[in-house]
PDB file of all heavy atoms in Angstrom:
ATOM      1  N   VAL A   1     -20.689  12.541  -9.164  1.00  0.00           N
ATOM      2  CA  VAL A   1     -19.817  11.892 -10.140  1.00  0.00           C
ATOM      3  C   VAL A   1     -20.087  10.402 -10.155  1.00  0.00           C
ATOM      4  O   VAL A   1     -20.613   9.830  -9.207  1.00  0.00           O
ATOM      5  CB  VAL A   1     -18.325  12.142  -9.813  1.00  0.00           C
ATOM      6  CG1 VAL A   1     -17.990  13.592  -9.944  1.00  0.00           C
ATOM      7  CG2 VAL A   1     -17.982  11.613  -8.455  1.00  0.00           C
ATOM      8  N   THR A   2     -19.729   9.770 -11.250  1.00  0.00           N
ATOM      9  CA  THR A   2     -19.942   8.337 -11.388  1.00  0.00           C
ATOM     10  C   THR A   2     -19.095   7.580 -10.373  1.00  0.00           C
ATOM     11  O   THR A   2     -17.922   7.867 -10.195  1.00  0.00           O
ATOM     12  CB  THR A   2     -19.558   7.897 -12.813  1.00  0.00           C
ATOM     13  OG1 THR A   2     -20.272   8.692 -13.749  1.00  0.00           O
ATOM     14  CG2 THR A   2     -19.876   6.427 -13.015  1.00  0.00           C
ATOM     15  N   GLU A   3     -19.729   6.623  -9.708  1.00  0.00           N
ATOM     16  CA  GLU A   3     -19.008   5.844  -8.720  1.00  0.00           C
ATOM     17  C   GLU A   3     -17.967   4.973  -9.402  1.00  0.00           C
ATOM     18  O   GLU A   3     -18.281   4.227 -10.334  1.00  0.00           O
ATOM     19  CB  GLU A   3     -19.985   4.968  -7.919  1.00  0.00           C
ATOM     20  CG  GLU A   3     -20.841   5.741  -6.948  1.00  0.00           C
ATOM     21  CD  GLU A   3     -20.008   6.367  -5.856  1.00  0.00           C
ATOM     22  OE1 GLU A   3     -18.971   5.789  -5.500  1.00  0.00           O
ATOM     23  OE2 GLU A   3     -20.376   7.454  -5.376  1.00  0.00           O
ATOM     24  N   VAL A   4     -16.746   5.049  -8.945  1.00  0.00           N
ATOM     25  CA  VAL A   4     -15.658   4.250  -9.490  1.00  0.00           C
ATOM     26  C   VAL A   4     -14.983   3.525  -8.340  1.00  0.00           C
ATOM     27  O   VAL A   4     -14.732   4.107  -7.286  1.00  0.00           O
ATOM     28  CB  VAL A   4     -14.619   5.144 -10.220  1.00  0.00           C
ATOM     29  CG1 VAL A   4     -13.466   4.298 -10.747  1.00  0.00           C
ATOM     30  CG2 VAL A   4     -15.283   5.914 -11.348  1.00  0.00           C
ATOM     31  N   SER A   5     -14.699   2.230  -8.517  1.00  0.00           N
ATOM     32  CA  SER A   5     -14.026   1.466  -7.477  1.00  0.00           C
ATOM     33  C   SER A   5     -12.683   2.105  -7.154  1.00  0.00           C
ATOM     34  O   SER A   5     -11.972   2.587  -8.050  1.00  0.00           O
ATOM     35  CB  SER A   5     -13.803   0.023  -7.952  1.00  0.00           C
ATOM     36  OG  SER A   5     -12.945  -0.666  -7.069  1.00  0.00           O
ATOM     37  N   LYS A   6     -12.351   2.108  -5.879  1.00  0.00           N
ATOM     38  CA  LYS A   6     -11.086   2.725  -5.473  1.00  0.00           C
ATOM     39  C   LYS A   6      -9.878   2.008  -6.065  1.00  0.00           C
ATOM     40  O   LYS A   6      -8.786   2.567  -6.128  1.00  0.00           O
ATOM     41  CB  LYS A   6     -10.982   2.772  -3.949  1.00  0.00           C
ATOM     42  CG  LYS A   6     -11.864   3.852  -3.325  1.00  0.00           C
ATOM     43  CD  LYS A   6     -11.568   4.043  -1.858  1.00  0.00           C
ATOM     44  CE  LYS A   6     -12.397   5.185  -1.275  1.00  0.00           C
ATOM     45  NZ  LYS A   6     -12.107   5.424   0.149  1.00  0.00           N
ATOM     46  N   ASP A   7     -10.067   0.769  -6.490  1.00  0.00           N
ATOM     47  CA  ASP A   7      -8.976   0.054  -7.152  1.00  0.00           C
ATOM     48  C   ASP A   7      -8.621   0.697  -8.487  1.00  0.00           C
ATOM     49  O   ASP A   7      -7.533   0.473  -9.018  1.00  0.00           O
ATOM     50  CB  ASP A   7      -9.365  -1.414  -7.371  1.00  0.00           C
ATOM     51  CG  ASP A   7      -9.455  -2.189  -6.064  1.00  0.00           C
ATOM     52  OD1 ASP A   7      -8.844  -1.744  -5.077  1.00  0.00           O
ATOM     53  OD2 ASP A   7     -10.141  -3.231  -6.028  1.00  0.00           O
ATOM     54  N   GLU A   8      -9.559   1.476  -9.037  1.00  0.00           N
ATOM     55  CA  GLU A   8      -9.338   2.128 -10.323  1.00  0.00           C
ATOM     56  C   GLU A   8      -8.930   3.591 -10.180  1.00  0.00           C
ATOM     57  O   GLU A   8      -8.740   4.287 -11.165  1.00  0.00           O
ATOM     58  CB  GLU A   8     -10.620   2.036 -11.176  1.00  0.00           C
ATOM     59  CG  GLU A   8     -11.059   0.616 -11.486  1.00  0.00           C
ATOM     60  CD  GLU A   8     -10.019  -0.140 -12.290  1.00  0.00           C
ATOM     61  OE1 GLU A   8      -9.318   0.501 -13.100  1.00  0.00           O
ATOM     62  OE2 GLU A   8      -9.892  -1.363 -12.106  1.00  0.00           O
ATOM     63  N   TRP A   9      -8.845   4.086  -8.945  1.00  0.00           N
ATOM     64  CA  TRP A   9      -8.439   5.480  -8.741  1.00  0.00           C
ATOM     65  C   TRP A   9      -6.966   5.650  -9.101  1.00  0.00           C
ATOM     66  O   TRP A   9      -6.168   4.706  -9.018  1.00  0.00           O
ATOM     67  CB  TRP A   9      -8.669   5.897  -7.288  1.00  0.00           C
ATOM     68  CG  TRP A   9     -10.116   6.155  -6.940  1.00  0.00           C
ATOM     69  CD1 TRP A   9     -11.207   5.551  -7.488  1.00  0.00           C
ATOM     70  CD2 TRP A   9     -10.599   7.074  -5.966  1.00  0.00           C
ATOM     71  NE1 TRP A   9     -12.351   6.023  -6.916  1.00  0.00           N
ATOM     72  CE2 TRP A   9     -12.017   6.969  -5.971  1.00  0.00           C
ATOM     73  CE3 TRP A   9     -10.001   7.958  -5.094  1.00  0.00           C
ATOM     74  CZ2 TRP A   9     -12.821   7.725  -5.135  1.00  0.00           C
ATOM     75  CZ3 TRP A   9     -10.797   8.725  -4.252  1.00  0.00           C
ATOM     76  CH2 TRP A   9     -12.188   8.617  -4.290  1.00  0.00           C
ATOM     77  N   ASP A  10      -6.591   6.856  -9.493  1.00  0.00           N
ATOM     78  CA  ASP A  10      -5.198   7.158  -9.827  1.00  0.00           C
ATOM     79  C   ASP A  10      -4.342   7.126  -8.562  1.00  0.00           C
ATOM     80  O   ASP A  10      -4.721   7.687  -7.531  1.00  0.00           O
ATOM     81  CB  ASP A  10      -5.089   8.538 -10.485  1.00  0.00           C
ATOM     82  CG  ASP A  10      -5.839   8.603 -11.806  1.00  0.00           C
ATOM     83  OD1 ASP A  10      -5.939   7.546 -12.468  1.00  0.00           O
ATOM     84  OD2 ASP A  10      -6.330   9.697 -12.164  1.00  0.00           O
ATOM     85  N   ILE A  11      -3.175   6.478  -8.664  1.00  0.00           N
ATOM     86  CA  ILE A  11      -2.278   6.336  -7.512  1.00  0.00           C
ATOM     87  C   ILE A  11      -1.060   7.230  -7.708  1.00  0.00           C
ATOM     88  O   ILE A  11      -0.421   7.207  -8.756  1.00  0.00           O
ATOM     89  CB  ILE A  11      -1.823   4.875  -7.342  1.00  0.00           C
ATOM     90  CG1 ILE A  11      -3.032   3.946  -7.199  1.00  0.00           C
ATOM     91  CG2 ILE A  11      -0.903   4.736  -6.132  1.00  0.00           C
ATOM     92  CD1 ILE A  11      -2.675   2.467  -7.206  1.00  0.00           C
ATOM     93  N   SER A  12      -0.761   8.008  -6.696  1.00  0.00           N
ATOM     94  CA  SER A  12       0.427   8.860  -6.735  1.00  0.00           C
ATOM     95  C   SER A  12       0.996   8.963  -5.325  1.00  0.00           C
ATOM     96  O   SER A  12       0.400   8.485  -4.368  1.00  0.00           O
ATOM     97  CB  SER A  12       0.081  10.260  -7.270  1.00  0.00           C
ATOM     98  OG  SER A  12      -0.867  10.887  -6.427  1.00  0.00           O
ATOM     99  N   GLY A  13       2.144   9.577  -5.234  1.00  0.00           N
ATOM    100  CA  GLY A  13       2.779   9.745  -3.932  1.00  0.00           C
ATOM    101  C   GLY A  13       3.263  11.168  -3.749  1.00  0.00           C
ATOM    102  O   GLY A  13       3.509  11.875  -4.725  1.00  0.00           O
ATOM    103  N   GLU A  14       3.362  11.566  -2.496  1.00  0.00           N
ATOM    104  CA  GLU A  14       3.858  12.901  -2.206  1.00  0.00           C
ATOM    105  C   GLU A  14       4.589  12.890  -0.873  1.00  0.00           C
ATOM    106  O   GLU A  14       4.368  11.997  -0.046  1.00  0.00           O
ATOM    107  CB  GLU A  14       2.712  13.911  -2.166  1.00  0.00           C
ATOM    108  CG  GLU A  14       1.696  13.634  -1.062  1.00  0.00           C
ATOM    109  CD  GLU A  14       0.547  14.622  -1.077  1.00  0.00           C
ATOM    110  OE1 GLU A  14       0.422  15.375  -2.066  1.00  0.00           O
ATOM    111  OE2 GLU A  14      -0.232  14.634  -0.103  1.00  0.00           O
ATOM    112  N   PHE A  15       5.458  13.850  -0.687  1.00  0.00           N
ATOM    113  CA  PHE A  15       6.153  13.996   0.588  1.00  0.00           C
ATOM    114  C   PHE A  15       5.461  15.103   1.375  1.00  0.00           C
ATOM    115  O   PHE A  15       5.318  16.224   0.896  1.00  0.00           O
ATOM    116  CB  PHE A  15       7.630  14.323   0.371  1.00  0.00           C
ATOM    117  CG  PHE A  15       8.446  13.137  -0.047  1.00  0.00           C
ATOM    118  CD1 PHE A  15       8.642  12.856  -1.386  1.00  0.00           C
ATOM    119  CD2 PHE A  15       8.996  12.293   0.906  1.00  0.00           C
ATOM    120  CE1 PHE A  15       9.380  11.748  -1.779  1.00  0.00           C
ATOM    121  CE2 PHE A  15       9.738  11.185   0.531  1.00  0.00           C
ATOM    122  CZ  PHE A  15       9.929  10.903  -0.813  1.00  0.00           C
ATOM    123  N   ILE A  16       5.004  14.742   2.575  1.00  0.00           N
ATOM    124  CA  ILE A  16       4.294  15.703   3.413  1.00  0.00           C
ATOM    125  C   ILE A  16       5.230  16.231   4.492  1.00  0.00           C
ATOM    126  O   ILE A  16       6.214  15.581   4.865  1.00  0.00           O
ATOM    127  CB  ILE A  16       3.043  15.065   4.053  1.00  0.00           C
ATOM    128  CG1 ILE A  16       3.431  13.855   4.915  1.00  0.00           C
ATOM    129  CG2 ILE A  16       2.043  14.659   2.993  1.00  0.00           C
ATOM    130  CD1 ILE A  16       2.284  13.254   5.690  1.00  0.00           C
ATOM    131  N   SER A  17       4.926  17.393   4.997  1.00  0.00           N
ATOM    132  CA  SER A  17       5.780  18.044   5.994  1.00  0.00           C
ATOM    133  C   SER A  17       5.615  17.377   7.361  1.00  0.00           C
ATOM    134  O   SER A  17       4.698  17.681   8.106  1.00  0.00           O
ATOM    135  CB  SER A  17       5.431  19.530   6.083  1.00  0.00           C
ATOM    136  OG  SER A  17       6.222  20.172   7.061  1.00  0.00           O
ATOM    137  N   SER A  18       6.487  16.444   7.648  1.00  0.00           N
ATOM    138  CA  SER A  18       6.472  15.721   8.930  1.00  0.00           C
ATOM    139  C   SER A  18       7.744  14.897   9.025  1.00  0.00           C
ATOM    140  O   SER A  18       8.063  14.144   8.103  1.00  0.00           O
ATOM    141  CB  SER A  18       5.242  14.819   9.037  1.00  0.00           C
ATOM    142  OG  SER A  18       5.256  14.095  10.247  1.00  0.00           O
ATOM    143  N   THR A  19       8.478  15.024  10.091  1.00  0.00           N
ATOM    144  CA  THR A  19       9.745  14.299  10.237  1.00  0.00           C
ATOM    145  C   THR A  19       9.526  12.793  10.159  1.00  0.00           C
ATOM    146  O   THR A  19       8.650  12.245  10.834  1.00  0.00           O
ATOM    147  CB  THR A  19      10.409  14.637  11.576  1.00  0.00           C
ATOM    148  OG1 THR A  19      10.605  16.041  11.663  1.00  0.00           O
ATOM    149  CG2 THR A  19      11.755  13.938  11.711  1.00  0.00           C
ATOM    150  N   ASN A  20      10.310  12.132   9.341  1.00  0.00           N
ATOM    151  CA  ASN A  20      10.215  10.676   9.190  1.00  0.00           C
ATOM    152  C   ASN A  20      11.062  10.012  10.286  1.00  0.00           C
ATOM    153  O   ASN A  20      12.184   9.556  10.043  1.00  0.00           O
ATOM    154  CB  ASN A  20      10.705  10.269   7.798  1.00  0.00           C
ATOM    155  CG  ASN A  20      10.607   8.772   7.571  1.00  0.00           C
ATOM    156  OD1 ASN A  20      10.061   8.034   8.396  1.00  0.00           O
ATOM    157  ND2 ASN A  20      11.154   8.320   6.462  1.00  0.00           N
ATOM    158  N   ILE A  21      10.502   9.977  11.482  1.00  0.00           N
ATOM    159  CA  ILE A  21      11.230   9.432  12.627  1.00  0.00           C
ATOM    160  C   ILE A  21      11.546   7.954  12.425  1.00  0.00           C
ATOM    161  O   ILE A  21      12.637   7.474  12.780  1.00  0.00           O
ATOM    162  CB  ILE A  21      10.415   9.618  13.924  1.00  0.00           C
ATOM    163  CG1 ILE A  21      10.296  11.112  14.257  1.00  0.00           C
ATOM    164  CG2 ILE A  21      11.075   8.892  15.085  1.00  0.00           C
ATOM    165  CD1 ILE A  21      11.596  11.764  14.656  1.00  0.00           C
ATOM    166  N   LEU A  22      10.610   7.192  11.855  1.00  0.00           N
ATOM    167  CA  LEU A  22      10.838   5.757  11.655  1.00  0.00           C
ATOM    168  C   LEU A  22      12.087   5.510  10.818  1.00  0.00           C
ATOM    169  O   LEU A  22      12.928   4.672  11.165  1.00  0.00           O
ATOM    170  CB  LEU A  22       9.621   5.127  10.971  1.00  0.00           C
ATOM    171  CG  LEU A  22       8.398   4.824  11.841  1.00  0.00           C
ATOM    172  CD1 LEU A  22       7.251   4.325  10.973  1.00  0.00           C
ATOM    173  CD2 LEU A  22       8.729   3.806  12.915  1.00  0.00           C
ATOM    174  N   GLY A  23      12.222   6.237   9.715  1.00  0.00           N
ATOM    175  CA  GLY A  23      13.384   6.053   8.853  1.00  0.00           C
ATOM    176  C   GLY A  23      14.679   6.447   9.531  1.00  0.00           C
ATOM    177  O   GLY A  23      15.703   5.757   9.395  1.00  0.00           O
ATOM    178  N   LEU A  24      14.659   7.529  10.290  1.00  0.00           N
ATOM    179  CA  LEU A  24      15.861   7.976  10.993  1.00  0.00           C
ATOM    180  C   LEU A  24      16.249   7.009  12.104  1.00  0.00           C
ATOM    181  O   LEU A  24      17.437   6.811  12.376  1.00  0.00           O
ATOM    182  CB  LEU A  24      15.637   9.382  11.557  1.00  0.00           C
ATOM    183  CG  LEU A  24      15.417  10.479  10.503  1.00  0.00           C
ATOM    184  CD1 LEU A  24      15.069  11.802  11.175  1.00  0.00           C
ATOM    185  CD2 LEU A  24      16.658  10.646   9.628  1.00  0.00           C
ATOM    186  N   VAL A  25      15.250   6.421  12.756  1.00  0.00           N
ATOM    187  CA  VAL A  25      15.536   5.426  13.792  1.00  0.00           C
ATOM    188  C   VAL A  25      16.211   4.204  13.187  1.00  0.00           C
ATOM    189  O   VAL A  25      17.201   3.681  13.728  1.00  0.00           O
ATOM    190  CB  VAL A  25      14.238   5.025  14.527  1.00  0.00           C
ATOM    191  CG1 VAL A  25      14.428   3.724  15.308  1.00  0.00           C
ATOM    192  CG2 VAL A  25      13.797   6.133  15.480  1.00  0.00           C
ATOM    193  N   VAL A  26      15.693   3.725  12.052  1.00  0.00           N
ATOM    194  CA  VAL A  26      16.289   2.556  11.390  1.00  0.00           C
ATOM    195  C   VAL A  26      17.725   2.858  10.983  1.00  0.00           C
ATOM    196  O   VAL A  26      18.636   2.044  11.208  1.00  0.00           O
ATOM    197  CB  VAL A  26      15.451   2.145  10.157  1.00  0.00           C
ATOM    198  CG1 VAL A  26      16.201   1.104   9.314  1.00  0.00           C
ATOM    199  CG2 VAL A  26      14.107   1.583  10.595  1.00  0.00           C
ATOM    200  N   PHE A  27      17.967   4.025  10.389  1.00  0.00           N
ATOM    201  CA  PHE A  27      19.332   4.391   9.986  1.00  0.00           C
ATOM    202  C   PHE A  27      20.257   4.458  11.198  1.00  0.00           C
ATOM    203  O   PHE A  27      21.400   3.973  11.150  1.00  0.00           O
ATOM    204  CB  PHE A  27      19.315   5.744   9.263  1.00  0.00           C
ATOM    205  CG  PHE A  27      20.692   6.273   8.978  1.00  0.00           C
ATOM    206  CD1 PHE A  27      21.432   5.798   7.911  1.00  0.00           C
ATOM    207  CD2 PHE A  27      21.261   7.239   9.804  1.00  0.00           C
ATOM    208  CE1 PHE A  27      22.711   6.280   7.661  1.00  0.00           C
ATOM    209  CE2 PHE A  27      22.536   7.730   9.557  1.00  0.00           C
ATOM    210  CZ  PHE A  27      23.259   7.248   8.481  1.00  0.00           C
ATOM    211  N   SER A  28      19.775   5.040  12.295  1.00  0.00           N
ATOM    212  CA  SER A  28      20.597   5.172  13.506  1.00  0.00           C
ATOM    213  C   SER A  28      20.956   3.810  14.069  1.00  0.00           C
ATOM    214  O   SER A  28      22.091   3.575  14.509  1.00  0.00           O
ATOM    215  CB  SER A  28      19.860   6.008  14.555  1.00  0.00           C
ATOM    216  OG  SER A  28      19.585   7.301  14.077  1.00  0.00           O
ATOM    217  N   LEU A  29      19.992   2.887  14.074  1.00  0.00           N
ATOM    218  CA  LEU A  29      20.254   1.536  14.582  1.00  0.00           C
ATOM    219  C   LEU A  29      21.291   0.825  13.710  1.00  0.00           C
ATOM    220  O   LEU A  29      22.216   0.185  14.231  1.00  0.00           O
ATOM    221  CB  LEU A  29      18.951   0.728  14.622  1.00  0.00           C
ATOM    222  CG  LEU A  29      17.918   1.141  15.670  1.00  0.00           C
ATOM    223  CD1 LEU A  29      16.619   0.362  15.476  1.00  0.00           C
ATOM    224  CD2 LEU A  29      18.457   0.921  17.072  1.00  0.00           C
ATOM    225  N   VAL A  30      21.135   0.935  12.402  1.00  0.00           N
ATOM    226  CA  VAL A  30      22.080   0.283  11.482  1.00  0.00           C
ATOM    227  C   VAL A  30      23.480   0.865  11.651  1.00  0.00           C
ATOM    228  O   VAL A  30      24.479   0.131  11.707  1.00  0.00           O
ATOM    229  CB  VAL A  30      21.607   0.425  10.022  1.00  0.00           C
ATOM    230  CG1 VAL A  30      22.687  -0.072   9.055  1.00  0.00           C
ATOM    231  CG2 VAL A  30      20.315  -0.353   9.807  1.00  0.00           C
ATOM    232  N   LEU A  31      23.580   2.190  11.741  1.00  0.00           N
ATOM    233  CA  LEU A  31      24.884   2.827  11.915  1.00  0.00           C
ATOM    234  C   LEU A  31      25.501   2.443  13.258  1.00  0.00           C
ATOM    235  O   LEU A  31      26.716   2.181  13.343  1.00  0.00           O
ATOM    236  CB  LEU A  31      24.731   4.351  11.828  1.00  0.00           C
ATOM    237  CG  LEU A  31      26.023   5.160  11.982  1.00  0.00           C
ATOM    238  CD1 LEU A  31      27.068   4.735  10.954  1.00  0.00           C
ATOM    239  CD2 LEU A  31      25.743   6.660  11.870  1.00  0.00           C
ATOM    240  N   GLY A  32      24.691   2.386  14.312  1.00  0.00           N
ATOM    241  CA  GLY A  32      25.205   1.988  15.621  1.00  0.00           C
ATOM    242  C   GLY A  32      25.755   0.577  15.617  1.00  0.00           C
ATOM    243  O   GLY A  32      26.845   0.314  16.152  1.00  0.00           O
ATOM    244  N   VAL A  33      25.015  -0.354  15.012  1.00  0.00           N
ATOM    245  CA  VAL A  33      25.479  -1.750  14.917  1.00  0.00           C
ATOM    246  C   VAL A  33      26.757  -1.826  14.093  1.00  0.00           C
ATOM    247  O   VAL A  33      27.706  -2.559  14.437  1.00  0.00           O
ATOM    248  CB  VAL A  33      24.376  -2.640  14.291  1.00  0.00           C
ATOM    249  CG1 VAL A  33      24.923  -4.030  13.969  1.00  0.00           C
ATOM    250  CG2 VAL A  33      23.186  -2.752  15.227  1.00  0.00           C
ATOM    251  N   THR A  34      26.816  -1.063  12.999  1.00  0.00           N
ATOM    252  CA  THR A  34      28.009  -1.068  12.140  1.00  0.00           C
ATOM    253  C   THR A  34      29.237  -0.561  12.892  1.00  0.00           C
ATOM    254  O   THR A  34      30.321  -1.163  12.814  1.00  0.00           O
ATOM    255  CB  THR A  34      27.766  -0.191  10.900  1.00  0.00           C
ATOM    256  OG1 THR A  34      26.623  -0.665  10.195  1.00  0.00           O
ATOM    257  CG2 THR A  34      28.977  -0.224   9.976  1.00  0.00           C
ATOM    258  N   LEU A  35      29.079   0.527  13.642  1.00  0.00           N
ATOM    259  CA  LEU A  35      30.209   1.065  14.415  1.00  0.00           C
ATOM    260  C   LEU A  35      30.665   0.077  15.491  1.00  0.00           C
ATOM    261  O   LEU A  35      31.866  -0.031  15.770  1.00  0.00           O
ATOM    262  CB  LEU A  35      29.814   2.396  15.055  1.00  0.00           C
ATOM    263  CG  LEU A  35      29.582   3.572  14.095  1.00  0.00           C
ATOM    264  CD1 LEU A  35      29.116   4.809  14.853  1.00  0.00           C
ATOM    265  CD2 LEU A  35      30.862   3.883  13.321  1.00  0.00           C
ATOM    266  N   ALA A  36      29.709  -0.642  16.089  1.00  0.00           N
ATOM    267  CA  ALA A  36      30.077  -1.647  17.094  1.00  0.00           C
ATOM    268  C   ALA A  36      30.887  -2.768  16.467  1.00  0.00           C
ATOM    269  O   ALA A  36      31.859  -3.259  17.066  1.00  0.00           O
ATOM    270  CB  ALA A  36      28.813  -2.200  17.758  1.00  0.00           C
ATOM    271  N   ASN A  37      30.512  -3.168  15.256  1.00  0.00           N
ATOM    272  CA  ASN A  37      31.224  -4.258  14.576  1.00  0.00           C
ATOM    273  C   ASN A  37      32.593  -3.814  14.062  1.00  0.00           C
ATOM    274  O   ASN A  37      33.495  -4.631  13.870  1.00  0.00           O
ATOM    275  CB  ASN A  37      30.387  -4.779  13.400  1.00  0.00           C
ATOM    276  CG  ASN A  37      29.179  -5.572  13.857  1.00  0.00           C
ATOM    277  OD1 ASN A  37      29.201  -6.190  14.919  1.00  0.00           O
ATOM    278  ND2 ASN A  37      28.113  -5.561  13.067  1.00  0.00           N
ATOM    279  N   MET A  38      32.766  -2.515  13.843  1.00  0.00           N
ATOM    280  CA  MET A  38      34.047  -2.012  13.333  1.00  0.00           C
ATOM    281  C   MET A  38      35.121  -1.934  14.424  1.00  0.00           C
ATOM    282  O   MET A  38      36.305  -1.707  14.116  1.00  0.00           O
ATOM    283  CB  MET A  38      33.851  -0.618  12.719  1.00  0.00           C
ATOM    284  CG  MET A  38      33.072  -0.633  11.409  1.00  0.00           C
ATOM    285  SD  MET A  38      32.744   1.044  10.785  1.00  0.00           S
ATOM    286  CE  MET A  38      34.412   1.580  10.377  1.00  0.00           C
ATOM    287  N   LYS A  39      34.713  -2.099  15.681  1.00  0.00           N
ATOM    288  CA  LYS A  39      35.661  -2.081  16.806  1.00  0.00           C
ATOM    289  C   LYS A  39      36.478  -0.780  16.824  1.00  0.00           C
ATOM    290  O   LYS A  39      35.924   0.302  16.850  1.00  0.00           O
ATOM    291  CB  LYS A  39      36.592  -3.302  16.740  1.00  0.00           C
ATOM    292  CG  LYS A  39      35.865  -4.638  16.681  1.00  0.00           C
ATOM    293  CD  LYS A  39      35.063  -4.919  17.939  1.00  0.00           C
ATOM    294  CE  LYS A  39      34.407  -6.299  17.874  1.00  0.00           C
ATOM    295  NZ  LYS A  39      33.566  -6.551  19.053  1.00  0.00           N
ATOM    296  N   ASP A  40      37.820  -0.883  16.773  1.00  0.00           N
ATOM    297  CA  ASP A  40      38.687   0.284  16.906  1.00  0.00           C
ATOM    298  C   ASP A  40      38.541   1.269  15.745  1.00  0.00           C
ATOM    299  O   ASP A  40      38.676   2.480  15.928  1.00  0.00           O
ATOM    300  CB  ASP A  40      40.156  -0.164  17.010  1.00  0.00           C
ATOM    301  CG  ASP A  40      40.426  -0.878  18.326  1.00  0.00           C
ATOM    302  OD1 ASP A  40      39.629  -0.675  19.265  1.00  0.00           O
ATOM    303  OD2 ASP A  40      41.410  -1.627  18.399  1.00  0.00           O
ATOM    304  N   LYS A  41      38.271   0.745  14.542  1.00  0.00           N
ATOM    305  CA  LYS A  41      38.119   1.636  13.388  1.00  0.00           C
ATOM    306  C   LYS A  41      36.900   2.544  13.531  1.00  0.00           C
ATOM    307  O   LYS A  41      36.902   3.674  13.048  1.00  0.00           O
ATOM    308  CB  LYS A  41      38.007   0.804  12.100  1.00  0.00           C
ATOM    309  CG  LYS A  41      39.307   0.130  11.680  1.00  0.00           C
ATOM    310  CD  LYS A  41      39.134  -0.586  10.349  1.00  0.00           C
ATOM    311  CE  LYS A  41      40.446  -1.228   9.911  1.00  0.00           C
ATOM    312  NZ  LYS A  41      40.276  -1.943   8.609  1.00  0.00           N
ATOM    313  N   GLY A  42      35.872   2.061  14.174  1.00  0.00           N
ATOM    314  CA  GLY A  42      34.658   2.853  14.328  1.00  0.00           C
ATOM    315  C   GLY A  42      34.639   3.712  15.572  1.00  0.00           C
ATOM    316  O   GLY A  42      33.726   4.531  15.753  1.00  0.00           O
TER     317      GLY A  42
END
């Protein structure tokens, strides 16, 4: 096939089967800090 620069390739996204640990860690940290700041309510 004709060589095409990768800058011109079609860009898309997909969700692959793998736990997103990074995102869950960030959410857990934010929720933990929020509960600490809420004192008795949290």
